[in-house]
Amino acid sequence: MEADRQAAIVVKGGLYWIGALLGASLLLWHAPASVAAASVSYEDIAPILLQHCYECHNAERHEYGLNLSTYEAITKDYGEHDIVVPGAPDASDLYLVVMHTKEPHMPPNGPRLSDENLALLHEWIAGGLVRQERPVAEVMETLTPDESLSETQVEPLAEAPIPSKAWLFLGRFHVVVLHLPIGVLIFAFLLELDGVIRQRKLGPRPEVGPLLMFGAAFALITAVLGLLLSGDPLYDPSRLFWRKWTGVAAALAAGSAALLRPSWLARGRVAYWLSLCTAMICLVIAAHLGGSLTHGSSYLTRYLPDWLGAMRGRAPTSVVEPAAGPVGD
């Protein structure tokens, strides 16, 4: 009994020390970042926004319903779109779109902002959106001629009609159901191939029919929700076109395959396999385009080994970027 009591005391004391060390580590980890973030104000951010964003997002012309010309306009409530969230760059749409981790990528017709500018924006949002000290007009006067805005600098985007909040609310569930039909349809396709390859032993797999019907039904639901989501004004319609319609084509082809399968068992082999293979091809393309839309076109190849990147003519990339933070929803 005495030995057990001593062991319990040792364990409890060890847990206290571990908790204290973890708490101290967290305080030391976050303290420098907070001090640095608080030193950045809107005065530091205004020239960046004026140079790269003002042309399309001002009081007279506000693409996607967004005005970035004043502190008040940037920090106002935009409803369901979190343009800037004090203390949370990873949840702020403004930061995510200029980081190219969320669509539409900004600026739309040019390279991503410099790491220095991204770091300033990250620190300003993380520091709680410290207000400017000088008026915007005064800040504009400090811009050099090379930084002045011209009509040809930014190609205007097409104005997108804004759907009702109810449709957008439903559209957000696209990401909830998206992966279920992908997995089910691919599984059904592989089972069907297995049955064909080993036809003498198994013949057509009986479980494929229900799987196809289930996968096709959810693919159609996913496609409808995706069409609703495509009306979100934060998405550039020109970048959505192929992602949207390859997804619709995959759903229709899967539904066609599910309806044709009973006839294949009797006679319609070519039509069935054409529909099934079309569904798989469109599914893969739509999944790739969706990943590129969400994470950027270089998401999979961002951290290629240097020797593979050199074969593609790419410069070596580092794992940590100065302005990078966790990607939010």
C-alpha atoms as a PDB file:
ATOM      1  CA  MET A   1       0.000   0.000   0.000  1.00  0.00           C
ATOM      2  CA  GLU A   2       2.796   2.403   0.937  1.00  0.00           C
ATOM      3  CA  ALA A   3       4.577   1.717  -2.354  1.00  0.00           C
ATOM      4  CA  ASP A   4       1.378   2.416  -4.294  1.00  0.00           C
ATOM      5  CA  ARG A   5       0.872   5.685  -2.424  1.00  0.00           C
ATOM      6  CA  GLN A   6       4.434   6.810  -3.157  1.00  0.00           C
ATOM      7  CA  ALA A   7       4.015   5.909  -6.832  1.00  0.00           C
ATOM      8  CA  ALA A   8       0.783   7.936  -6.999  1.00  0.00           C
ATOM      9  CA  ILE A   9       2.548  10.957  -5.476  1.00  0.00           C
ATOM     10  CA  VAL A  10       5.379  10.681  -8.001  1.00  0.00           C
ATOM     11  CA  VAL A  11       2.962  10.386 -10.933  1.00  0.00           C
ATOM     12  CA  LYS A  12       0.861  13.331  -9.719  1.00  0.00           C
ATOM     13  CA  GLY A  13       3.944  15.484  -9.211  1.00  0.00           C
ATOM     14  CA  GLY A  14       5.222  14.571 -12.657  1.00  0.00           C
ATOM     15  CA  LEU A  15       1.909  15.549 -14.236  1.00  0.00           C
ATOM     16  CA  TYR A  16       1.989  18.920 -12.464  1.00  0.00           C
ATOM     17  CA  TRP A  17       5.496  19.613 -13.763  1.00  0.00           C
ATOM     18  CA  ILE A  18       4.575  18.551 -17.303  1.00  0.00           C
ATOM     19  CA  GLY A  19       1.521  20.845 -17.233  1.00  0.00           C
ATOM     20  CA  ALA A  20       3.603  23.756 -15.945  1.00  0.00           C
ATOM     21  CA  LEU A  21       6.245  23.257 -18.632  1.00  0.00           C
ATOM     22  CA  LEU A  22       3.624  23.030 -21.383  1.00  0.00           C
ATOM     23  CA  GLY A  23       1.934  26.210 -20.149  1.00  0.00           C
ATOM     24  CA  ALA A  24       5.225  28.093 -20.018  1.00  0.00           C
ATOM     25  CA  SER A  25       6.140  26.848 -23.493  1.00  0.00           C
ATOM     26  CA  LEU A  26       2.839  28.067 -24.921  1.00  0.00           C
ATOM     27  CA  LEU A  27       3.284  31.492 -23.317  1.00  0.00           C
ATOM     28  CA  LEU A  28       6.815  31.825 -24.677  1.00  0.00           C
ATOM     29  CA  TRP A  29       5.719  30.581 -28.110  1.00  0.00           C
ATOM     30  CA  HIS A  30       2.881  33.067 -28.524  1.00  0.00           C
ATOM     31  CA  ALA A  31       4.261  36.127 -26.754  1.00  0.00           C
ATOM     32  CA  PRO A  32       6.761  37.271 -29.435  1.00  0.00           C
ATOM     33  CA  ALA A  33       4.191  36.862 -32.196  1.00  0.00           C
ATOM     34  CA  SER A  34       1.674  38.986 -30.301  1.00  0.00           C
ATOM     35  CA  VAL A  35       4.182  41.773 -29.746  1.00  0.00           C
ATOM     36  CA  ALA A  36       5.195  41.744 -33.411  1.00  0.00           C
ATOM     37  CA  ALA A  37       1.606  41.631 -34.625  1.00  0.00           C
ATOM     38  CA  ALA A  38       0.571  44.609 -32.500  1.00  0.00           C
ATOM     39  CA  SER A  39       3.249  46.784 -34.138  1.00  0.00           C
ATOM     40  CA  VAL A  40       1.524  46.633 -37.554  1.00  0.00           C
ATOM     41  CA  SER A  41      -1.295  49.116 -38.166  1.00  0.00           C
ATOM     42  CA  TYR A  42      -3.611  49.952 -41.041  1.00  0.00           C
ATOM     43  CA  GLU A  43      -1.108  52.636 -42.034  1.00  0.00           C
ATOM     44  CA  ASP A  44       1.270  49.816 -43.042  1.00  0.00           C
ATOM     45  CA  ILE A  45      -1.452  47.882 -44.873  1.00  0.00           C
ATOM     46  CA  ALA A  46      -3.131  50.742 -46.774  1.00  0.00           C
ATOM     47  CA  PRO A  47      -0.372  51.158 -49.424  1.00  0.00           C
ATOM     48  CA  ILE A  48      -0.518  47.420 -50.188  1.00  0.00           C
ATOM     49  CA  LEU A  49      -4.285  47.478 -50.648  1.00  0.00           C
ATOM     50  CA  LEU A  50      -4.179  50.711 -52.624  1.00  0.00           C
ATOM     51  CA  GLN A  51      -1.587  49.331 -55.018  1.00  0.00           C
ATOM     52  CA  HIS A  52      -3.041  45.861 -55.557  1.00  0.00           C
ATOM     53  CA  CYS A  53      -6.756  46.045 -54.697  1.00  0.00           C
ATOM     54  CA  TYR A  54      -8.073  49.613 -54.972  1.00  0.00           C
ATOM     55  CA  GLU A  55      -8.671  49.510 -58.740  1.00  0.00           C
ATOM     56  CA  CYS A  56     -11.470  46.935 -58.432  1.00  0.00           C
ATOM     57  CA  HIS A  57     -12.538  47.362 -54.795  1.00  0.00           C
ATOM     58  CA  ASN A  58     -13.333  51.012 -54.056  1.00  0.00           C
ATOM     59  CA  ALA A  59     -16.356  53.122 -53.161  1.00  0.00           C
ATOM     60  CA  GLU A  60     -17.517  53.477 -56.783  1.00  0.00           C
ATOM     61  CA  ARG A  61     -16.492  50.098 -58.117  1.00  0.00           C
ATOM     62  CA  HIS A  62     -16.699  47.209 -55.677  1.00  0.00           C
ATOM     63  CA  GLU A  63     -16.194  43.834 -57.372  1.00  0.00           C
ATOM     64  CA  TYR A  64     -17.875  41.005 -55.456  1.00  0.00           C
ATOM     65  CA  GLY A  65     -19.540  43.681 -53.309  1.00  0.00           C
ATOM     66  CA  LEU A  66     -16.218  44.419 -51.580  1.00  0.00           C
ATOM     67  CA  ASN A  67     -14.805  47.887 -50.843  1.00  0.00           C
ATOM     68  CA  LEU A  68     -11.200  47.967 -49.576  1.00  0.00           C
ATOM     69  CA  SER A  69     -10.605  51.718 -49.799  1.00  0.00           C
ATOM     70  CA  THR A  70     -11.084  52.587 -46.112  1.00  0.00           C
ATOM     71  CA  TYR A  71     -10.584  50.995 -42.726  1.00  0.00           C
ATOM     72  CA  GLU A  72     -14.321  51.179 -42.017  1.00  0.00           C
ATOM     73  CA  ALA A  73     -15.198  49.478 -45.311  1.00  0.00           C
ATOM     74  CA  ILE A  74     -12.733  46.642 -44.739  1.00  0.00           C
ATOM     75  CA  THR A  75     -13.784  45.907 -41.174  1.00  0.00           C
ATOM     76  CA  LYS A  76     -17.561  46.219 -41.615  1.00  0.00           C
ATOM     77  CA  ASP A  77     -19.852  43.190 -41.323  1.00  0.00           C
ATOM     78  CA  TYR A  78     -20.143  41.423 -44.695  1.00  0.00           C
ATOM     79  CA  GLY A  79     -22.631  38.864 -43.429  1.00  0.00           C
ATOM     80  CA  GLU A  80     -21.542  35.271 -43.937  1.00  0.00           C
ATOM     81  CA  HIS A  81     -18.212  36.281 -45.513  1.00  0.00           C
ATOM     82  CA  ASP A  82     -15.496  36.862 -42.912  1.00  0.00           C
ATOM     83  CA  ILE A  83     -13.364  39.388 -44.800  1.00  0.00           C
ATOM     84  CA  VAL A  84     -11.144  40.103 -41.803  1.00  0.00           C
ATOM     85  CA  VAL A  85     -11.498  38.407 -38.412  1.00  0.00           C
ATOM     86  CA  PRO A  86      -9.520  40.179 -35.649  1.00  0.00           C
ATOM     87  CA  GLY A  87      -6.818  37.879 -34.330  1.00  0.00           C
ATOM     88  CA  ALA A  88      -7.511  35.113 -36.874  1.00  0.00           C
ATOM     89  CA  PRO A  89      -5.754  35.478 -40.258  1.00  0.00           C
ATOM     90  CA  ASP A  90      -6.526  31.837 -41.098  1.00  0.00           C
ATOM     91  CA  ALA A  91     -10.263  32.603 -40.870  1.00  0.00           C
ATOM     92  CA  SER A  92     -10.066  35.888 -42.820  1.00  0.00           C
ATOM     93  CA  ASP A  93     -11.093  35.679 -46.479  1.00  0.00           C
ATOM     94  CA  LEU A  94      -8.948  38.689 -47.420  1.00  0.00           C
ATOM     95  CA  TYR A  95      -5.796  36.939 -46.223  1.00  0.00           C
ATOM     96  CA  LEU A  96      -6.727  33.558 -47.705  1.00  0.00           C
ATOM     97  CA  VAL A  97      -7.427  34.876 -51.219  1.00  0.00           C
ATOM     98  CA  VAL A  98      -4.163  36.843 -51.417  1.00  0.00           C
ATOM     99  CA  MET A  99      -2.316  33.790 -50.038  1.00  0.00           C
ATOM    100  CA  HIS A 100      -3.890  31.786 -52.914  1.00  0.00           C
ATOM    101  CA  THR A 101      -5.283  29.224 -50.479  1.00  0.00           C
ATOM    102  CA  LYS A 102      -8.875  30.178 -51.302  1.00  0.00           C
ATOM    103  CA  GLU A 103     -10.661  31.193 -54.476  1.00  0.00           C
ATOM    104  CA  PRO A 104     -10.772  33.656 -56.126  1.00  0.00           C
ATOM    105  CA  HIS A 105      -7.004  34.170 -56.041  1.00  0.00           C
ATOM    106  CA  MET A 106      -6.068  37.837 -55.736  1.00  0.00           C
ATOM    107  CA  PRO A 107      -4.752  39.832 -57.509  1.00  0.00           C
ATOM    108  CA  PRO A 108      -6.615  38.080 -60.354  1.00  0.00           C
ATOM    109  CA  ASN A 109      -4.209  38.851 -63.200  1.00  0.00           C
ATOM    110  CA  GLY A 110      -0.842  38.908 -61.551  1.00  0.00           C
ATOM    111  CA  PRO A 111       1.517  37.072 -59.202  1.00  0.00           C
ATOM    112  CA  ARG A 112       0.838  36.555 -55.532  1.00  0.00           C
ATOM    113  CA  LEU A 113       1.800  39.372 -53.163  1.00  0.00           C
ATOM    114  CA  SER A 114       5.362  39.375 -51.909  1.00  0.00           C
ATOM    115  CA  ASP A 115       6.175  37.418 -48.757  1.00  0.00           C
ATOM    116  CA  GLU A 116       6.889  40.725 -46.992  1.00  0.00           C
ATOM    117  CA  ASN A 117       3.444  42.117 -47.814  1.00  0.00           C
ATOM    118  CA  LEU A 118       1.757  38.839 -46.877  1.00  0.00           C
ATOM    119  CA  ALA A 119       3.600  38.851 -43.553  1.00  0.00           C
ATOM    120  CA  LEU A 120       2.440  42.424 -42.850  1.00  0.00           C
ATOM    121  CA  LEU A 121      -1.174  41.541 -43.648  1.00  0.00           C
ATOM    122  CA  HIS A 122      -0.954  38.404 -41.495  1.00  0.00           C
ATOM    123  CA  GLU A 123       0.481  40.351 -38.552  1.00  0.00           C
ATOM    124  CA  TRP A 124      -2.062  43.172 -38.914  1.00  0.00           C
ATOM    125  CA  ILE A 125      -4.999  40.760 -38.722  1.00  0.00           C
ATOM    126  CA  ALA A 126      -3.356  38.674 -35.967  1.00  0.00           C
ATOM    127  CA  GLY A 127      -2.747  41.883 -33.988  1.00  0.00           C
ATOM    128  CA  GLY A 128      -6.445  42.753 -33.933  1.00  0.00           C
ATOM    129  CA  LEU A 129      -6.729  45.136 -36.928  1.00  0.00           C
ATOM    130  CA  VAL A 130      -4.941  48.109 -35.354  1.00  0.00           C
ATOM    131  CA  ARG A 131      -6.437  51.293 -36.822  1.00  0.00           C
ATOM    132  CA  GLN A 132      -4.514  53.682 -39.075  1.00  0.00           C
ATOM    133  CA  GLU A 133      -2.904  56.864 -37.836  1.00  0.00           C
ATOM    134  CA  ARG A 134      -3.200  58.807 -41.124  1.00  0.00           C
ATOM    135  CA  PRO A 135      -6.109  59.288 -43.546  1.00  0.00           C
ATOM    136  CA  VAL A 136      -6.140  57.167 -46.708  1.00  0.00           C
ATOM    137  CA  ALA A 137      -5.753  60.246 -48.926  1.00  0.00           C
ATOM    138  CA  GLU A 138      -2.559  61.145 -47.095  1.00  0.00           C
ATOM    139  CA  VAL A 139      -1.244  57.596 -47.446  1.00  0.00           C
ATOM    140  CA  MET A 140      -1.967  57.673 -51.194  1.00  0.00           C
ATOM    141  CA  GLU A 141       0.255  60.745 -51.540  1.00  0.00           C
ATOM    142  CA  THR A 142       3.202  58.710 -50.257  1.00  0.00           C
ATOM    143  CA  LEU A 143       3.010  56.242 -53.159  1.00  0.00           C
ATOM    144  CA  THR A 144       5.745  56.552 -55.753  1.00  0.00           C
ATOM    145  CA  PRO A 145       4.886  56.979 -59.464  1.00  0.00           C
ATOM    146  CA  ASP A 146       5.747  53.305 -60.028  1.00  0.00           C
ATOM    147  CA  GLU A 147       3.089  52.337 -57.506  1.00  0.00           C
ATOM    148  CA  SER A 148       0.365  54.520 -59.031  1.00  0.00           C
ATOM    149  CA  LEU A 149      -2.681  52.760 -60.380  1.00  0.00           C
ATOM    150  CA  SER A 150      -3.556  52.672 -64.052  1.00  0.00           C
ATOM    151  CA  GLU A 151      -6.585  51.488 -65.961  1.00  0.00           C
ATOM    152  CA  THR A 152      -4.562  48.731 -67.612  1.00  0.00           C
ATOM    153  CA  GLN A 153      -3.035  47.303 -64.445  1.00  0.00           C
ATOM    154  CA  VAL A 154      -5.962  45.101 -63.511  1.00  0.00           C
ATOM    155  CA  GLU A 155      -8.344  43.513 -65.955  1.00  0.00           C
ATOM    156  CA  PRO A 156     -11.897  43.892 -64.641  1.00  0.00           C
ATOM    157  CA  LEU A 157     -13.768  40.777 -63.577  1.00  0.00           C
ATOM    158  CA  ALA A 158     -17.298  40.094 -64.690  1.00  0.00           C
ATOM    159  CA  GLU A 159     -19.931  41.166 -62.201  1.00  0.00           C
ATOM    160  CA  ALA A 160     -21.457  38.057 -60.633  1.00  0.00           C
ATOM    161  CA  PRO A 161     -25.109  38.019 -59.575  1.00  0.00           C
ATOM    162  CA  ILE A 162     -25.461  37.350 -55.866  1.00  0.00           C
ATOM    163  CA  PRO A 163     -27.988  34.581 -55.053  1.00  0.00           C
ATOM    164  CA  SER A 164     -30.112  34.461 -51.930  1.00  0.00           C
ATOM    165  CA  LYS A 165     -28.589  33.463 -48.606  1.00  0.00           C
ATOM    166  CA  ALA A 166     -30.839  30.399 -48.480  1.00  0.00           C
ATOM    167  CA  TRP A 167     -29.295  28.977 -51.673  1.00  0.00           C
ATOM    168  CA  LEU A 168     -25.777  29.775 -50.481  1.00  0.00           C
ATOM    169  CA  PHE A 169     -26.524  28.148 -47.123  1.00  0.00           C
ATOM    170  CA  LEU A 170     -27.583  24.936 -48.861  1.00  0.00           C
ATOM    171  CA  GLY A 171     -24.627  25.164 -51.250  1.00  0.00           C
ATOM    172  CA  ARG A 172     -22.172  25.103 -48.348  1.00  0.00           C
ATOM    173  CA  PHE A 173     -23.234  21.492 -47.675  1.00  0.00           C
ATOM    174  CA  HIS A 174     -21.572  20.554 -50.977  1.00  0.00           C
ATOM    175  CA  VAL A 175     -18.324  19.880 -49.110  1.00  0.00           C
ATOM    176  CA  VAL A 176     -20.169  17.730 -46.541  1.00  0.00           C
ATOM    177  CA  VAL A 177     -21.497  15.185 -49.067  1.00  0.00           C
ATOM    178  CA  LEU A 178     -18.793  15.579 -51.730  1.00  0.00           C
ATOM    179  CA  HIS A 179     -16.490  12.710 -50.787  1.00  0.00           C
ATOM    180  CA  LEU A 180     -19.151  10.053 -50.213  1.00  0.00           C
ATOM    181  CA  PRO A 181     -20.178   9.549 -53.882  1.00  0.00           C
ATOM    182  CA  ILE A 182     -16.543   9.738 -55.005  1.00  0.00           C
ATOM    183  CA  GLY A 183     -15.542   6.834 -52.770  1.00  0.00           C
ATOM    184  CA  VAL A 184     -18.670   4.777 -53.489  1.00  0.00           C
ATOM    185  CA  LEU A 185     -18.470   5.172 -57.280  1.00  0.00           C
ATOM    186  CA  ILE A 186     -14.762   4.359 -57.436  1.00  0.00           C
ATOM    187  CA  PHE A 187     -15.340   1.306 -55.233  1.00  0.00           C
ATOM    188  CA  ALA A 188     -18.208   0.149 -57.482  1.00  0.00           C
ATOM    189  CA  PHE A 189     -16.029   0.618 -60.573  1.00  0.00           C
ATOM    190  CA  LEU A 190     -13.190  -1.439 -59.077  1.00  0.00           C
ATOM    191  CA  LEU A 191     -15.584  -4.211 -58.052  1.00  0.00           C
ATOM    192  CA  GLU A 192     -17.020  -4.278 -61.562  1.00  0.00           C
ATOM    193  CA  LEU A 193     -13.538  -4.557 -63.051  1.00  0.00           C
ATOM    194  CA  ASP A 194     -12.714  -7.359 -60.637  1.00  0.00           C
ATOM    195  CA  GLY A 195     -15.833  -9.246 -61.698  1.00  0.00           C
ATOM    196  CA  VAL A 196     -14.979  -8.847 -65.386  1.00  0.00           C
ATOM    197  CA  ILE A 197     -11.352  -9.901 -64.930  1.00  0.00           C
ATOM    198  CA  ARG A 198     -12.402 -13.010 -63.015  1.00  0.00           C
ATOM    199  CA  GLN A 199     -15.611 -13.561 -64.957  1.00  0.00           C
ATOM    200  CA  ARG A 200     -15.296 -17.325 -65.173  1.00  0.00           C
ATOM    201  CA  LYS A 201     -15.322 -17.594 -61.399  1.00  0.00           C
ATOM    202  CA  LEU A 202     -17.566 -14.760 -60.253  1.00  0.00           C
ATOM    203  CA  GLY A 203     -19.413 -13.217 -63.165  1.00  0.00           C
ATOM    204  CA  PRO A 204     -20.971  -9.745 -62.723  1.00  0.00           C
ATOM    205  CA  ARG A 205     -20.835  -8.617 -59.101  1.00  0.00           C
ATOM    206  CA  PRO A 206     -24.391  -8.411 -57.687  1.00  0.00           C
ATOM    207  CA  GLU A 207     -23.415  -5.760 -55.116  1.00  0.00           C
ATOM    208  CA  VAL A 208     -22.299  -3.277 -57.794  1.00  0.00           C
ATOM    209  CA  GLY A 209     -25.869  -2.395 -58.813  1.00  0.00           C
ATOM    210  CA  PRO A 210     -26.966  -1.020 -55.398  1.00  0.00           C
ATOM    211  CA  LEU A 211     -23.602   0.729 -54.981  1.00  0.00           C
ATOM    212  CA  LEU A 212     -23.991   2.452 -58.347  1.00  0.00           C
ATOM    213  CA  MET A 213     -27.528   3.576 -57.546  1.00  0.00           C
ATOM    214  CA  PHE A 214     -26.448   4.911 -54.147  1.00  0.00           C
ATOM    215  CA  GLY A 215     -23.341   6.647 -55.541  1.00  0.00           C
ATOM    216  CA  ALA A 216     -25.223   8.145 -58.492  1.00  0.00           C
ATOM    217  CA  ALA A 217     -27.981   9.505 -56.230  1.00  0.00           C
ATOM    218  CA  PHE A 218     -25.483  11.245 -53.961  1.00  0.00           C
ATOM    219  CA  ALA A 219     -23.468  12.439 -56.969  1.00  0.00           C
ATOM    220  CA  LEU A 220     -26.580  14.190 -58.277  1.00  0.00           C
ATOM    221  CA  ILE A 221     -27.223  15.743 -54.852  1.00  0.00           C
ATOM    222  CA  THR A 222     -23.589  16.867 -54.709  1.00  0.00           C
ATOM    223  CA  ALA A 223     -23.811  18.377 -58.198  1.00  0.00           C
ATOM    224  CA  VAL A 224     -26.943  20.353 -57.299  1.00  0.00           C
ATOM    225  CA  LEU A 225     -25.330  21.673 -54.108  1.00  0.00           C
ATOM    226  CA  GLY A 226     -22.220  22.553 -56.110  1.00  0.00           C
ATOM    227  CA  LEU A 227     -24.307  24.567 -58.565  1.00  0.00           C
ATOM    228  CA  LEU A 228     -25.798  26.487 -55.637  1.00  0.00           C
ATOM    229  CA  LEU A 229     -22.346  27.065 -54.141  1.00  0.00           C
ATOM    230  CA  SER A 230     -20.991  28.339 -57.469  1.00  0.00           C
ATOM    231  CA  GLY A 231     -23.151  31.441 -56.997  1.00  0.00           C
ATOM    232  CA  ASP A 232     -21.013  32.541 -54.045  1.00  0.00           C
ATOM    233  CA  PRO A 233     -19.624  35.980 -55.034  1.00  0.00           C
ATOM    234  CA  LEU A 234     -16.206  35.091 -53.588  1.00  0.00           C
ATOM    235  CA  TYR A 235     -15.693  32.597 -56.416  1.00  0.00           C
ATOM    236  CA  ASP A 236     -14.569  33.766 -59.841  1.00  0.00           C
ATOM    237  CA  PRO A 237     -17.120  32.340 -62.343  1.00  0.00           C
ATOM    238  CA  SER A 238     -14.481  32.008 -65.069  1.00  0.00           C
ATOM    239  CA  ARG A 239     -12.458  29.605 -62.888  1.00  0.00           C
ATOM    240  CA  LEU A 240     -15.513  27.576 -61.916  1.00  0.00           C
ATOM    241  CA  PHE A 241     -16.715  26.653 -65.404  1.00  0.00           C
ATOM    242  CA  TRP A 242     -14.888  23.348 -65.972  1.00  0.00           C
ATOM    243  CA  ARG A 243     -15.038  22.305 -62.308  1.00  0.00           C
ATOM    244  CA  LYS A 244     -18.778  22.822 -62.261  1.00  0.00           C
ATOM    245  CA  TRP A 245     -19.679  21.076 -65.500  1.00  0.00           C
ATOM    246  CA  THR A 246     -17.292  18.119 -65.154  1.00  0.00           C
ATOM    247  CA  GLY A 247     -18.962  17.463 -61.794  1.00  0.00           C
ATOM    248  CA  VAL A 248     -22.402  17.614 -63.388  1.00  0.00           C
ATOM    249  CA  ALA A 249     -21.227  15.336 -66.225  1.00  0.00           C
ATOM    250  CA  ALA A 250     -19.837  12.814 -63.710  1.00  0.00           C
ATOM    251  CA  ALA A 251     -23.171  12.728 -61.857  1.00  0.00           C
ATOM    252  CA  LEU A 252     -25.200  12.293 -65.055  1.00  0.00           C
ATOM    253  CA  ALA A 253     -22.869   9.596 -66.399  1.00  0.00           C
ATOM    254  CA  ALA A 254     -23.011   7.730 -63.069  1.00  0.00           C
ATOM    255  CA  GLY A 255     -26.802   7.885 -63.110  1.00  0.00           C
ATOM    256  CA  SER A 256     -26.826   6.634 -66.693  1.00  0.00           C
ATOM    257  CA  ALA A 257     -24.532   3.727 -65.766  1.00  0.00           C
ATOM    258  CA  ALA A 258     -26.754   2.794 -62.818  1.00  0.00           C
ATOM    259  CA  LEU A 259     -29.828   2.716 -65.080  1.00  0.00           C
ATOM    260  CA  LEU A 260     -28.064   0.827 -67.889  1.00  0.00           C
ATOM    261  CA  ARG A 261     -26.489  -1.883 -65.733  1.00  0.00           C
ATOM    262  CA  PRO A 262     -29.514  -4.231 -65.730  1.00  0.00           C
ATOM    263  CA  SER A 263     -29.566  -4.102 -69.538  1.00  0.00           C
ATOM    264  CA  TRP A 264     -25.815  -4.829 -69.640  1.00  0.00           C
ATOM    265  CA  LEU A 265     -26.425  -8.087 -67.841  1.00  0.00           C
ATOM    266  CA  ALA A 266     -28.612  -8.991 -70.825  1.00  0.00           C
ATOM    267  CA  ARG A 267     -27.165  -7.152 -73.833  1.00  0.00           C
ATOM    268  CA  GLY A 268     -26.180  -3.435 -73.560  1.00  0.00           C
ATOM    269  CA  ARG A 269     -22.512  -3.895 -72.632  1.00  0.00           C
ATOM    270  CA  VAL A 270     -21.032  -1.032 -74.712  1.00  0.00           C
ATOM    271  CA  ALA A 271     -23.463   1.665 -73.535  1.00  0.00           C
ATOM    272  CA  TYR A 272     -23.030   0.649 -69.899  1.00  0.00           C
ATOM    273  CA  TRP A 273     -19.228   0.629 -69.936  1.00  0.00           C
ATOM    274  CA  LEU A 274     -19.124   3.881 -71.898  1.00  0.00           C
ATOM    275  CA  SER A 275     -21.269   5.556 -69.219  1.00  0.00           C
ATOM    276  CA  LEU A 276     -19.295   4.040 -66.344  1.00  0.00           C
ATOM    277  CA  CYS A 277     -15.889   4.983 -67.782  1.00  0.00           C
ATOM    278  CA  THR A 278     -17.128   8.492 -68.622  1.00  0.00           C
ATOM    279  CA  ALA A 279     -18.283   8.882 -65.021  1.00  0.00           C
ATOM    280  CA  MET A 280     -14.851   7.833 -63.729  1.00  0.00           C
ATOM    281  CA  ILE A 281     -12.958  10.164 -66.081  1.00  0.00           C
ATOM    282  CA  CYS A 282     -15.177  13.149 -65.259  1.00  0.00           C
ATOM    283  CA  LEU A 283     -14.974  12.291 -61.561  1.00  0.00           C
ATOM    284  CA  VAL A 284     -11.166  12.350 -61.569  1.00  0.00           C
ATOM    285  CA  ILE A 285     -11.041  15.612 -63.550  1.00  0.00           C
ATOM    286  CA  ALA A 286     -13.657  17.279 -61.329  1.00  0.00           C
ATOM    287  CA  ALA A 287     -11.833  16.155 -58.174  1.00  0.00           C
ATOM    288  CA  HIS A 288      -8.539  17.541 -59.483  1.00  0.00           C
ATOM    289  CA  LEU A 289     -10.094  20.862 -60.497  1.00  0.00           C
ATOM    290  CA  GLY A 290     -11.892  21.094 -57.164  1.00  0.00           C
ATOM    291  CA  GLY A 291      -8.641  20.550 -55.283  1.00  0.00           C
ATOM    292  CA  SER A 292      -6.914  23.199 -57.398  1.00  0.00           C
ATOM    293  CA  LEU A 293      -9.799  25.593 -56.797  1.00  0.00           C
ATOM    294  CA  THR A 294      -9.632  25.124 -53.038  1.00  0.00           C
ATOM    295  CA  HIS A 295      -5.898  24.771 -52.413  1.00  0.00           C
ATOM    296  CA  GLY A 296      -4.320  26.315 -55.511  1.00  0.00           C
ATOM    297  CA  SER A 297      -3.070  24.748 -58.720  1.00  0.00           C
ATOM    298  CA  SER A 298       0.339  23.870 -57.229  1.00  0.00           C
ATOM    299  CA  TYR A 299      -0.990  22.238 -54.040  1.00  0.00           C
ATOM    300  CA  LEU A 300       0.206  18.689 -54.842  1.00  0.00           C
ATOM    301  CA  THR A 301       3.495  19.789 -56.397  1.00  0.00           C
ATOM    302  CA  ARG A 302       4.371  22.570 -53.946  1.00  0.00           C
ATOM    303  CA  TYR A 303       6.847  20.421 -51.989  1.00  0.00           C
ATOM    304  CA  LEU A 304       8.214  18.287 -54.801  1.00  0.00           C
ATOM    305  CA  PRO A 305      11.744  17.046 -54.128  1.00  0.00           C
ATOM    306  CA  ASP A 306      14.201  19.555 -55.565  1.00  0.00           C
ATOM    307  CA  TRP A 307      15.468  17.134 -58.211  1.00  0.00           C
ATOM    308  CA  LEU A 308      11.929  16.575 -59.508  1.00  0.00           C
ATOM    309  CA  GLY A 309      11.219  20.306 -59.395  1.00  0.00           C
ATOM    310  CA  ALA A 310      14.405  20.966 -61.368  1.00  0.00           C
ATOM    311  CA  MET A 311      13.164  18.621 -64.103  1.00  0.00           C
ATOM    312  CA  ARG A 312      10.065  20.820 -64.360  1.00  0.00           C
ATOM    313  CA  GLY A 313      12.140  24.010 -64.363  1.00  0.00           C
ATOM    314  CA  ARG A 314      11.076  25.076 -60.874  1.00  0.00           C
ATOM    315  CA  ALA A 315      13.260  26.728 -58.277  1.00  0.00           C
ATOM    316  CA  PRO A 316      13.640  24.930 -54.918  1.00  0.00           C
ATOM    317  CA  THR A 317      10.870  25.753 -52.423  1.00  0.00           C
ATOM    318  CA  SER A 318      11.076  26.033 -48.657  1.00  0.00           C
ATOM    319  CA  VAL A 319       8.715  24.253 -46.281  1.00  0.00           C
ATOM    320  CA  VAL A 320       7.974  27.286 -44.105  1.00  0.00           C
ATOM    321  CA  GLU A 321       6.803  30.599 -45.565  1.00  0.00           C
ATOM    322  CA  PRO A 322       7.018  33.787 -43.466  1.00  0.00           C
ATOM    323  CA  ALA A 323       3.334  34.664 -43.781  1.00  0.00           C
ATOM    324  CA  ALA A 324       1.856  31.196 -43.805  1.00  0.00           C
ATOM    325  CA  GLY A 325      -0.694  30.261 -41.195  1.00  0.00           C
ATOM    326  CA  PRO A 326      -3.104  27.345 -40.879  1.00  0.00           C
ATOM    327  CA  VAL A 327      -5.710  27.312 -43.614  1.00  0.00           C
ATOM    328  CA  GLY A 328      -9.211  27.920 -42.304  1.00  0.00           C
ATOM    329  CA  ASP A 329     -12.577  26.906 -43.690  1.00  0.00           C
END
